[in-house]
Amino acid sequence: MDKTELVADPQAVDPGASVMKKLPEVTLAFWIMKIAATTLGETAGDLFAQTLKLGYFLTTILLFLIFVVTLVVQLRSRRYNPFFYWTVILSTSMAGTTMSDFMNRDASAKYLSDGATSLGWGPQGLGLGYPVGAAILISLLVVIFTVWKFTGMTFVIRDIVTFRAEALFWSAILVSNTLGTSMGDFLSDSSGLGYAGGALLVTGLLAVLVALMRVPAVPNVLLFWIAFVLTRPLGATAGDFLTKPTAKGGLDLGTAGSSAVLFAVLVALMGYAHLRERRTLAT
């Protein structure tokens, strides 16, 4: 794979596929929106599961259904629409938050507020723990990429224009966002680094990836997927830093207030991306 820019290429040749661009250009603005969406996914997922006490199980079902609806809209779209695309990213981030929590956590006092004995309706969590949960998710991600490889379809983001390739892309996105949540929660809760320390560690790793972009032997496609996974724990630790109590090292801004502010920021960024896309099409 060459060191080309990771963008959707409207000139990609596939006689059985639509050649309209379906995915955004991977620029600095893309990564800013990705971090905003994943941070909102963390705070919004916790808002439904913990603050509103729906629980991990019921919230996971609800948010997964929302993901399916947003994905259908995105897949049926004939061209890149920033609102459609980033709504799917947000829904995968929210669903990934509660899916990770349901896999890794349980009803022990460590994960519940003071005096609470349960959280919402249904199973309280599988209690697998972060290492086991991460191993399962990494295995799922490997399976997706293996299937993707055997289909013969490209991993290069700029060339994803077919329905099947985009479906594989979004499957990888959902699992990678869930994996990133597990990594972020591990860094925040179990590593001893805390929210700020975990965020700084991930930021440092992302800086290394930026430096590796100048190394010809390292494919940009590989760097993209590693960065996509790593921006999720950055969003998870940032979201926890905003919402958790000060006694635990957070700012105690609450899930509702933090989610509202992050939602406004993300909508503004989507509006800006939409205007840019219209200008591009007009030229």
C-alpha atoms as a PDB file:
ATOM      1  CA  MET A   1       0.000   0.000   0.000  1.00  0.00           C
ATOM      2  CA  ASP A   2       1.337   3.401  -0.907  1.00  0.00           C
ATOM      3  CA  LYS A   3       1.621   6.520   1.165  1.00  0.00           C
ATOM      4  CA  THR A   4      -1.363   8.254  -0.417  1.00  0.00           C
ATOM      5  CA  GLU A   5      -3.862  10.402   1.401  1.00  0.00           C
ATOM      6  CA  LEU A   6      -6.674   8.413   3.028  1.00  0.00           C
ATOM      7  CA  VAL A   7      -9.696   9.895   1.316  1.00  0.00           C
ATOM      8  CA  ALA A   8     -12.661   8.517  -0.565  1.00  0.00           C
ATOM      9  CA  ASP A   9     -11.738   8.626  -4.259  1.00  0.00           C
ATOM     10  CA  PRO A  10     -14.612   9.524  -6.570  1.00  0.00           C
ATOM     11  CA  GLN A  11     -12.558   8.129  -9.450  1.00  0.00           C
ATOM     12  CA  ALA A  12     -12.234   4.630  -7.940  1.00  0.00           C
ATOM     13  CA  VAL A  13     -12.999   2.121 -10.695  1.00  0.00           C
ATOM     14  CA  ASP A  14     -15.553  -0.590  -9.986  1.00  0.00           C
ATOM     15  CA  PRO A  15     -18.177  -1.190 -12.690  1.00  0.00           C
ATOM     16  CA  GLY A  16     -20.633  -2.624 -10.160  1.00  0.00           C
ATOM     17  CA  ALA A  17     -20.383   0.207  -7.669  1.00  0.00           C
ATOM     18  CA  SER A  18     -21.487   3.763  -7.230  1.00  0.00           C
ATOM     19  CA  VAL A  19     -18.493   6.053  -7.677  1.00  0.00           C
ATOM     20  CA  MET A  20     -19.878   8.890  -5.596  1.00  0.00           C
ATOM     21  CA  LYS A  21     -17.752   9.745  -2.581  1.00  0.00           C
ATOM     22  CA  LYS A  22     -19.315   8.230   0.550  1.00  0.00           C
ATOM     23  CA  LEU A  23     -16.655   8.968   3.196  1.00  0.00           C
ATOM     24  CA  PRO A  24     -15.030  12.233   4.275  1.00  0.00           C
ATOM     25  CA  GLU A  25     -11.517  13.370   3.574  1.00  0.00           C
ATOM     26  CA  VAL A  26      -9.165  12.475   6.425  1.00  0.00           C
ATOM     27  CA  THR A  27      -7.844  15.863   7.513  1.00  0.00           C
ATOM     28  CA  LEU A  28      -7.176  17.587  10.825  1.00  0.00           C
ATOM     29  CA  ALA A  29     -10.851  18.613  10.904  1.00  0.00           C
ATOM     30  CA  PHE A  30     -11.797  14.925  10.561  1.00  0.00           C
ATOM     31  CA  TRP A  31      -9.816  13.986  13.674  1.00  0.00           C
ATOM     32  CA  ILE A  32     -11.181  16.930  15.670  1.00  0.00           C
ATOM     33  CA  MET A  33     -14.734  15.812  14.842  1.00  0.00           C
ATOM     34  CA  LYS A  34     -13.836  12.178  15.626  1.00  0.00           C
ATOM     35  CA  ILE A  35     -12.574  13.107  19.105  1.00  0.00           C
ATOM     36  CA  ALA A  36     -15.636  15.323  19.725  1.00  0.00           C
ATOM     37  CA  ALA A  37     -17.983  12.519  18.624  1.00  0.00           C
ATOM     38  CA  THR A  38     -16.258   9.858  20.717  1.00  0.00           C
ATOM     39  CA  THR A  39     -16.154  12.086  23.793  1.00  0.00           C
ATOM     40  CA  LEU A  40     -19.874  12.767  23.357  1.00  0.00           C
ATOM     41  CA  GLY A  41     -20.418   9.025  22.860  1.00  0.00           C
ATOM     42  CA  GLU A  42     -18.838   8.397  26.274  1.00  0.00           C
ATOM     43  CA  THR A  43     -20.830  11.064  28.134  1.00  0.00           C
ATOM     44  CA  ALA A  44     -24.121  10.278  26.350  1.00  0.00           C
ATOM     45  CA  GLY A  45     -23.750   6.529  26.884  1.00  0.00           C
ATOM     46  CA  ASP A  46     -23.133   7.112  30.595  1.00  0.00           C
ATOM     47  CA  LEU A  47     -26.066   9.549  30.672  1.00  0.00           C
ATOM     48  CA  PHE A  48     -28.519   6.874  29.526  1.00  0.00           C
ATOM     49  CA  ALA A  49     -27.000   3.909  31.375  1.00  0.00           C
ATOM     50  CA  GLN A  50     -25.967   5.499  34.681  1.00  0.00           C
ATOM     51  CA  THR A  51     -27.552   8.928  35.203  1.00  0.00           C
ATOM     52  CA  LEU A  52     -30.977   7.892  33.867  1.00  0.00           C
ATOM     53  CA  LYS A  53     -30.422   4.415  35.388  1.00  0.00           C
ATOM     54  CA  LEU A  54     -31.534   2.474  32.321  1.00  0.00           C
ATOM     55  CA  GLY A  55     -28.635   0.090  32.887  1.00  0.00           C
ATOM     56  CA  TYR A  56     -26.002  -1.245  30.536  1.00  0.00           C
ATOM     57  CA  PHE A  57     -28.158  -4.034  29.088  1.00  0.00           C
ATOM     58  CA  LEU A  58     -31.239  -2.010  28.123  1.00  0.00           C
ATOM     59  CA  THR A  59     -29.171   0.979  26.992  1.00  0.00           C
ATOM     60  CA  THR A  60     -26.995  -1.240  24.797  1.00  0.00           C
ATOM     61  CA  ILE A  61     -30.082  -2.630  23.040  1.00  0.00           C
ATOM     62  CA  LEU A  62     -31.524   0.878  22.578  1.00  0.00           C
ATOM     63  CA  LEU A  63     -28.306   2.416  21.282  1.00  0.00           C
ATOM     64  CA  PHE A  64     -27.541  -0.532  19.008  1.00  0.00           C
ATOM     65  CA  LEU A  65     -30.960  -0.104  17.388  1.00  0.00           C
ATOM     66  CA  ILE A  66     -30.183   3.595  16.905  1.00  0.00           C
ATOM     67  CA  PHE A  67     -26.884   2.588  15.313  1.00  0.00           C
ATOM     68  CA  VAL A  68     -28.695   0.274  12.881  1.00  0.00           C
ATOM     69  CA  VAL A  69     -31.128   3.038  11.860  1.00  0.00           C
ATOM     70  CA  THR A  70     -28.358   5.599  11.320  1.00  0.00           C
ATOM     71  CA  LEU A  71     -26.282   3.033   9.415  1.00  0.00           C
ATOM     72  CA  VAL A  72     -29.159   2.244   7.051  1.00  0.00           C
ATOM     73  CA  VAL A  73     -29.527   5.961   6.293  1.00  0.00           C
ATOM     74  CA  GLN A  74     -25.779   6.244   5.628  1.00  0.00           C
ATOM     75  CA  LEU A  75     -25.656   3.131   3.422  1.00  0.00           C
ATOM     76  CA  ARG A  76     -28.644   4.300   1.372  1.00  0.00           C
ATOM     77  CA  SER A  77     -27.130   7.714   0.795  1.00  0.00           C
ATOM     78  CA  ARG A  78     -25.611   8.118  -2.678  1.00  0.00           C
ATOM     79  CA  ARG A  79     -22.916  10.593  -1.663  1.00  0.00           C
ATOM     80  CA  TYR A  80     -21.033  11.796   1.394  1.00  0.00           C
ATOM     81  CA  ASN A  81     -23.305  13.685   3.785  1.00  0.00           C
ATOM     82  CA  PRO A  82     -21.531  14.978   6.927  1.00  0.00           C
ATOM     83  CA  PHE A  83     -24.689  14.761   9.046  1.00  0.00           C
ATOM     84  CA  PHE A  84     -25.325  11.133   8.058  1.00  0.00           C
ATOM     85  CA  TYR A  85     -21.691  10.057   8.433  1.00  0.00           C
ATOM     86  CA  TRP A  86     -21.013  11.698  11.807  1.00  0.00           C
ATOM     87  CA  THR A  87     -24.351  10.568  13.211  1.00  0.00           C
ATOM     88  CA  VAL A  88     -23.251   6.978  12.570  1.00  0.00           C
ATOM     89  CA  ILE A  89     -19.880   7.690  14.199  1.00  0.00           C
ATOM     90  CA  LEU A  90     -21.709   9.127  17.214  1.00  0.00           C
ATOM     91  CA  SER A  91     -24.106   6.171  17.418  1.00  0.00           C
ATOM     92  CA  THR A  92     -21.215   3.680  17.268  1.00  0.00           C
ATOM     93  CA  SER A  93     -19.471   5.633  20.036  1.00  0.00           C
ATOM     94  CA  MET A  94     -22.556   5.619  22.277  1.00  0.00           C
ATOM     95  CA  ALA A  95     -23.313   1.958  21.602  1.00  0.00           C
ATOM     96  CA  GLY A  96     -19.634   1.092  22.031  1.00  0.00           C
ATOM     97  CA  THR A  97     -19.603   2.777  25.450  1.00  0.00           C
ATOM     98  CA  THR A  98     -22.420   0.682  26.904  1.00  0.00           C
ATOM     99  CA  MET A  99     -21.419  -2.507  25.055  1.00  0.00           C
ATOM    100  CA  SER A 100     -17.962  -2.221  26.618  1.00  0.00           C
ATOM    101  CA  ASP A 101     -19.398  -1.456  30.050  1.00  0.00           C
ATOM    102  CA  PHE A 102     -21.803  -4.402  29.826  1.00  0.00           C
ATOM    103  CA  MET A 103     -19.000  -6.772  28.818  1.00  0.00           C
ATOM    104  CA  ASN A 104     -16.438  -5.606  31.371  1.00  0.00           C
ATOM    105  CA  ARG A 105     -18.371  -4.481  34.434  1.00  0.00           C
ATOM    106  CA  ASP A 106     -20.794  -6.023  36.929  1.00  0.00           C
ATOM    107  CA  ALA A 107     -23.046  -4.942  39.807  1.00  0.00           C
ATOM    108  CA  SER A 108     -20.241  -4.554  42.339  1.00  0.00           C
ATOM    109  CA  ALA A 109     -19.938  -1.389  44.399  1.00  0.00           C
ATOM    110  CA  LYS A 110     -16.935  -0.345  42.295  1.00  0.00           C
ATOM    111  CA  TYR A 111     -19.202   0.455  39.347  1.00  0.00           C
ATOM    112  CA  LEU A 112     -22.351   1.659  41.163  1.00  0.00           C
ATOM    113  CA  SER A 113     -23.115   4.883  42.976  1.00  0.00           C
ATOM    114  CA  ASP A 114     -23.111   4.890  46.777  1.00  0.00           C
ATOM    115  CA  GLY A 115     -25.958   2.847  48.217  1.00  0.00           C
ATOM    116  CA  ALA A 116     -27.076   1.421  44.860  1.00  0.00           C
ATOM    117  CA  THR A 117     -27.451  -2.333  44.482  1.00  0.00           C
ATOM    118  CA  SER A 118     -28.420  -2.458  40.799  1.00  0.00           C
ATOM    119  CA  LEU A 119     -28.411  -0.332  37.687  1.00  0.00           C
ATOM    120  CA  GLY A 120     -31.492  -0.540  35.508  1.00  0.00           C
ATOM    121  CA  TRP A 121     -33.434  -3.519  34.204  1.00  0.00           C
ATOM    122  CA  GLY A 122     -31.890  -6.758  33.060  1.00  0.00           C
ATOM    123  CA  PRO A 123     -28.427  -8.248  33.562  1.00  0.00           C
ATOM    124  CA  GLN A 124     -26.083  -5.869  35.358  1.00  0.00           C
ATOM    125  CA  GLY A 125     -23.041  -6.846  33.323  1.00  0.00           C
ATOM    126  CA  LEU A 126     -20.935  -9.839  32.372  1.00  0.00           C
ATOM    127  CA  GLY A 127     -18.028  -8.794  34.586  1.00  0.00           C
ATOM    128  CA  LEU A 128     -15.391 -10.083  32.170  1.00  0.00           C
ATOM    129  CA  GLY A 129     -12.922  -7.372  33.099  1.00  0.00           C
ATOM    130  CA  TYR A 130     -10.984  -5.076  30.769  1.00  0.00           C
ATOM    131  CA  PRO A 131      -8.221  -7.519  29.677  1.00  0.00           C
ATOM    132  CA  VAL A 132     -10.667 -10.289  28.706  1.00  0.00           C
ATOM    133  CA  GLY A 133     -13.095  -7.830  27.111  1.00  0.00           C
ATOM    134  CA  ALA A 134     -10.282  -6.237  25.106  1.00  0.00           C
ATOM    135  CA  ALA A 135      -9.015  -9.657  23.970  1.00  0.00           C
ATOM    136  CA  ILE A 136     -12.498 -10.585  22.692  1.00  0.00           C
ATOM    137  CA  LEU A 137     -12.878  -7.285  20.856  1.00  0.00           C
ATOM    138  CA  ILE A 138      -9.397  -7.491  19.317  1.00  0.00           C
ATOM    139  CA  SER A 139     -10.261 -11.003  18.108  1.00  0.00           C
ATOM    140  CA  LEU A 140     -13.494  -9.713  16.537  1.00  0.00           C
ATOM    141  CA  LEU A 141     -11.597  -6.896  14.850  1.00  0.00           C
ATOM    142  CA  VAL A 142      -9.050  -9.370  13.470  1.00  0.00           C
ATOM    143  CA  VAL A 143     -11.895 -11.530  12.104  1.00  0.00           C
ATOM    144  CA  ILE A 144     -13.478  -8.507  10.386  1.00  0.00           C
ATOM    145  CA  PHE A 145     -10.199  -7.457   8.783  1.00  0.00           C
ATOM    146  CA  THR A 146      -9.483 -11.070   7.745  1.00  0.00           C
ATOM    147  CA  VAL A 147     -12.870 -11.366   6.045  1.00  0.00           C
ATOM    148  CA  TRP A 148     -12.279  -7.949   4.484  1.00  0.00           C
ATOM    149  CA  LYS A 149      -8.895  -9.123   3.177  1.00  0.00           C
ATOM    150  CA  PHE A 150     -10.318 -12.309   1.641  1.00  0.00           C
ATOM    151  CA  THR A 151     -13.042 -10.374  -0.185  1.00  0.00           C
ATOM    152  CA  GLY A 152     -10.292  -8.681  -2.155  1.00  0.00           C
ATOM    153  CA  MET A 153     -11.711  -5.226  -1.433  1.00  0.00           C
ATOM    154  CA  THR A 154      -9.345  -2.417  -0.590  1.00  0.00           C
ATOM    155  CA  PHE A 155      -8.526  -1.182   2.902  1.00  0.00           C
ATOM    156  CA  VAL A 156      -7.705   2.232   1.454  1.00  0.00           C
ATOM    157  CA  ILE A 157     -10.390   4.566   2.760  1.00  0.00           C
ATOM    158  CA  ARG A 158     -10.420   6.714  -0.376  1.00  0.00           C
ATOM    159  CA  ASP A 159     -11.491   3.677  -2.454  1.00  0.00           C
ATOM    160  CA  ILE A 160     -14.423   2.517  -0.293  1.00  0.00           C
ATOM    161  CA  VAL A 161     -17.390   3.119  -2.583  1.00  0.00           C
ATOM    162  CA  THR A 162     -19.234  -0.237  -2.690  1.00  0.00           C
ATOM    163  CA  PHE A 163     -22.009  -1.326  -0.339  1.00  0.00           C
ATOM    164  CA  ARG A 164     -20.106  -4.417   0.866  1.00  0.00           C
ATOM    165  CA  ALA A 165     -16.897  -2.516   1.529  1.00  0.00           C
ATOM    166  CA  GLU A 166     -18.750   0.192   3.429  1.00  0.00           C
ATOM    167  CA  ALA A 167     -20.618  -2.431   5.502  1.00  0.00           C
ATOM    168  CA  LEU A 168     -17.267  -3.973   6.490  1.00  0.00           C
ATOM    169  CA  PHE A 169     -15.908  -0.502   7.221  1.00  0.00           C
ATOM    170  CA  TRP A 170     -18.763   0.265   9.635  1.00  0.00           C
ATOM    171  CA  SER A 171     -18.482  -3.153  11.301  1.00  0.00           C
ATOM    172  CA  ALA A 172     -14.823  -2.393  11.984  1.00  0.00           C
ATOM    173  CA  ILE A 173     -15.771   1.073  13.256  1.00  0.00           C
ATOM    174  CA  LEU A 174     -18.315  -0.324  15.757  1.00  0.00           C
ATOM    175  CA  VAL A 175     -15.892  -2.910  17.152  1.00  0.00           C
ATOM    176  CA  SER A 176     -12.957  -0.476  17.223  1.00  0.00           C
ATOM    177  CA  ASN A 177     -15.028   2.109  19.116  1.00  0.00           C
ATOM    178  CA  THR A 178     -16.078  -0.559  21.634  1.00  0.00           C
ATOM    179  CA  LEU A 179     -12.455  -1.674  21.977  1.00  0.00           C
ATOM    180  CA  GLY A 180     -11.349   1.929  22.415  1.00  0.00           C
ATOM    181  CA  THR A 181     -13.864   2.384  25.232  1.00  0.00           C
ATOM    182  CA  SER A 182     -12.434  -0.649  27.037  1.00  0.00           C
ATOM    183  CA  MET A 183      -8.921   0.729  26.617  1.00  0.00           C
ATOM    184  CA  GLY A 184      -9.959   4.164  27.866  1.00  0.00           C
ATOM    185  CA  ASP A 185     -11.779   2.785  30.897  1.00  0.00           C
ATOM    186  CA  PHE A 186      -8.803   0.584  31.726  1.00  0.00           C
ATOM    187  CA  LEU A 187      -6.448   3.570  31.572  1.00  0.00           C
ATOM    188  CA  SER A 188      -8.789   5.688  33.708  1.00  0.00           C
ATOM    189  CA  ASP A 189      -9.925   3.106  36.253  1.00  0.00           C
ATOM    190  CA  SER A 190      -7.283   0.401  36.561  1.00  0.00           C
ATOM    191  CA  SER A 191      -3.920   1.614  35.266  1.00  0.00           C
ATOM    192  CA  GLY A 192      -3.305   4.177  37.999  1.00  0.00           C
ATOM    193  CA  LEU A 193      -2.792   6.936  35.434  1.00  0.00           C
ATOM    194  CA  GLY A 194      -6.152   8.587  36.086  1.00  0.00           C
ATOM    195  CA  TYR A 195      -8.200  10.513  33.534  1.00  0.00           C
ATOM    196  CA  ALA A 196      -5.611  13.185  32.723  1.00  0.00           C
ATOM    197  CA  GLY A 197      -2.722  10.704  32.698  1.00  0.00           C
ATOM    198  CA  GLY A 198      -4.593   8.326  30.400  1.00  0.00           C
ATOM    199  CA  ALA A 199      -5.446  11.154  28.008  1.00  0.00           C
ATOM    200  CA  LEU A 200      -1.816  12.310  27.952  1.00  0.00           C
ATOM    201  CA  LEU A 201      -0.581   8.765  27.233  1.00  0.00           C
ATOM    202  CA  VAL A 202      -2.971   8.347  24.292  1.00  0.00           C
ATOM    203  CA  THR A 203      -2.077  11.818  22.993  1.00  0.00           C
ATOM    204  CA  GLY A 204       1.587  10.829  23.078  1.00  0.00           C
ATOM    205  CA  LEU A 205       0.873   7.643  21.122  1.00  0.00           C
ATOM    206  CA  LEU A 206      -1.069   9.644  18.529  1.00  0.00           C
ATOM    207  CA  ALA A 207       1.906  11.981  18.200  1.00  0.00           C
ATOM    208  CA  VAL A 208       4.091   8.944  17.452  1.00  0.00           C
ATOM    209  CA  LEU A 209       1.653   7.925  14.696  1.00  0.00           C
ATOM    210  CA  VAL A 210       1.887  11.402  13.178  1.00  0.00           C
ATOM    211  CA  ALA A 211       5.668  11.066  13.124  1.00  0.00           C
ATOM    212  CA  LEU A 212       5.401   7.619  11.498  1.00  0.00           C
ATOM    213  CA  MET A 213       3.462   9.151   8.593  1.00  0.00           C
ATOM    214  CA  ARG A 214       6.848  10.352   7.334  1.00  0.00           C
ATOM    215  CA  VAL A 215       8.264   6.814   7.340  1.00  0.00           C
ATOM    216  CA  PRO A 216       7.760   5.354   3.830  1.00  0.00           C
ATOM    217  CA  ALA A 217       7.805   1.750   5.070  1.00  0.00           C
ATOM    218  CA  VAL A 218       4.724   2.266   7.271  1.00  0.00           C
ATOM    219  CA  PRO A 219       1.413   2.263   5.314  1.00  0.00           C
ATOM    220  CA  ASN A 220      -0.932   5.159   6.012  1.00  0.00           C
ATOM    221  CA  VAL A 221      -3.843   2.721   6.006  1.00  0.00           C
ATOM    222  CA  LEU A 222      -2.380   0.929   9.031  1.00  0.00           C
ATOM    223  CA  LEU A 223      -1.744   4.240  10.780  1.00  0.00           C
ATOM    224  CA  PHE A 224      -5.328   5.326  10.106  1.00  0.00           C
ATOM    225  CA  TRP A 225      -6.859   2.296  11.796  1.00  0.00           C
ATOM    226  CA  ILE A 226      -4.509   2.463  14.784  1.00  0.00           C
ATOM    227  CA  ALA A 227      -5.323   6.159  15.173  1.00  0.00           C
ATOM    228  CA  PHE A 228      -9.044   5.442  14.814  1.00  0.00           C
ATOM    229  CA  VAL A 229      -8.883   2.979  17.701  1.00  0.00           C
ATOM    230  CA  LEU A 230      -6.693   5.250  19.851  1.00  0.00           C
ATOM    231  CA  THR A 231      -8.890   8.344  19.475  1.00  0.00           C
ATOM    232  CA  ARG A 232     -11.678   6.373  21.166  1.00  0.00           C
ATOM    233  CA  PRO A 233      -9.852   5.909  24.505  1.00  0.00           C
ATOM    234  CA  LEU A 234      -8.854   9.572  24.239  1.00  0.00           C
ATOM    235  CA  GLY A 235     -12.546  10.441  24.004  1.00  0.00           C
ATOM    236  CA  ALA A 236     -13.390   7.997  26.799  1.00  0.00           C
ATOM    237  CA  THR A 237     -10.835   9.446  29.208  1.00  0.00           C
ATOM    238  CA  ALA A 238     -11.791  13.004  28.242  1.00  0.00           C
ATOM    239  CA  GLY A 239     -15.467  12.210  28.801  1.00  0.00           C
ATOM    240  CA  ASP A 240     -14.764  10.654  32.193  1.00  0.00           C
ATOM    241  CA  PHE A 241     -12.593  13.640  33.107  1.00  0.00           C
ATOM    242  CA  LEU A 242     -15.510  15.972  32.370  1.00  0.00           C
ATOM    243  CA  THR A 243     -18.205  13.978  34.176  1.00  0.00           C
ATOM    244  CA  LYS A 244     -16.675  12.073  37.099  1.00  0.00           C
ATOM    245  CA  PRO A 245     -16.586  13.500  40.663  1.00  0.00           C
ATOM    246  CA  THR A 246     -13.655  15.630  41.719  1.00  0.00           C
ATOM    247  CA  ALA A 247     -12.849  13.021  44.377  1.00  0.00           C
ATOM    248  CA  LYS A 248     -12.068  10.615  41.527  1.00  0.00           C
ATOM    249  CA  GLY A 249     -10.029  13.162  39.584  1.00  0.00           C
ATOM    250  CA  GLY A 250     -12.805  14.491  37.329  1.00  0.00           C
ATOM    251  CA  LEU A 251     -14.368  17.926  36.866  1.00  0.00           C
ATOM    252  CA  ASP A 252     -17.842  16.770  38.039  1.00  0.00           C
ATOM    253  CA  LEU A 253     -19.650  18.626  35.242  1.00  0.00           C
ATOM    254  CA  GLY A 254     -22.222  15.840  34.968  1.00  0.00           C
ATOM    255  CA  THR A 255     -23.216  13.679  32.008  1.00  0.00           C
ATOM    256  CA  ALA A 256     -26.192  15.843  30.985  1.00  0.00           C
ATOM    257  CA  GLY A 257     -24.378  19.186  30.891  1.00  0.00           C
ATOM    258  CA  SER A 258     -21.250  17.758  29.275  1.00  0.00           C
ATOM    259  CA  SER A 259     -23.310  15.910  26.651  1.00  0.00           C
ATOM    260  CA  ALA A 260     -25.301  19.047  25.798  1.00  0.00           C
ATOM    261  CA  VAL A 261     -22.157  21.128  25.271  1.00  0.00           C
ATOM    262  CA  LEU A 262     -20.400  18.417  23.263  1.00  0.00           C
ATOM    263  CA  PHE A 263     -23.533  17.873  21.150  1.00  0.00           C
ATOM    264  CA  ALA A 264     -23.678  21.580  20.306  1.00  0.00           C
ATOM    265  CA  VAL A 265     -19.983  21.531  19.359  1.00  0.00           C
ATOM    266  CA  LEU A 266     -20.417  18.449  17.165  1.00  0.00           C
ATOM    267  CA  VAL A 267     -23.503  19.862  15.395  1.00  0.00           C
ATOM    268  CA  ALA A 268     -21.609  23.085  14.700  1.00  0.00           C
ATOM    269  CA  LEU A 269     -18.696  21.105  13.261  1.00  0.00           C
ATOM    270  CA  MET A 270     -21.074  19.009  11.118  1.00  0.00           C
ATOM    271  CA  GLY A 271     -22.679  22.205   9.835  1.00  0.00           C
ATOM    272  CA  TYR A 272     -19.260  23.571   8.904  1.00  0.00           C
ATOM    273  CA  ALA A 273     -18.338  20.301   7.159  1.00  0.00           C
ATOM    274  CA  HIS A 274     -21.653  20.411   5.261  1.00  0.00           C
ATOM    275  CA  LEU A 275     -20.969  23.946   4.012  1.00  0.00           C
ATOM    276  CA  ARG A 276     -17.476  22.941   2.899  1.00  0.00           C
ATOM    277  CA  GLU A 277     -18.888  19.948   1.038  1.00  0.00           C
ATOM    278  CA  ARG A 278     -21.439  22.135  -0.758  1.00  0.00           C
ATOM    279  CA  ARG A 279     -18.711  24.568  -1.798  1.00  0.00           C
ATOM    280  CA  THR A 280     -16.607  21.677  -3.094  1.00  0.00           C
ATOM    281  CA  LEU A 281     -19.494  20.311  -5.165  1.00  0.00           C
ATOM    282  CA  ALA A 282     -20.238  23.782  -6.527  1.00  0.00           C
ATOM    283  CA  THR A 283     -16.707  24.221  -7.902  1.00  0.00           C
END
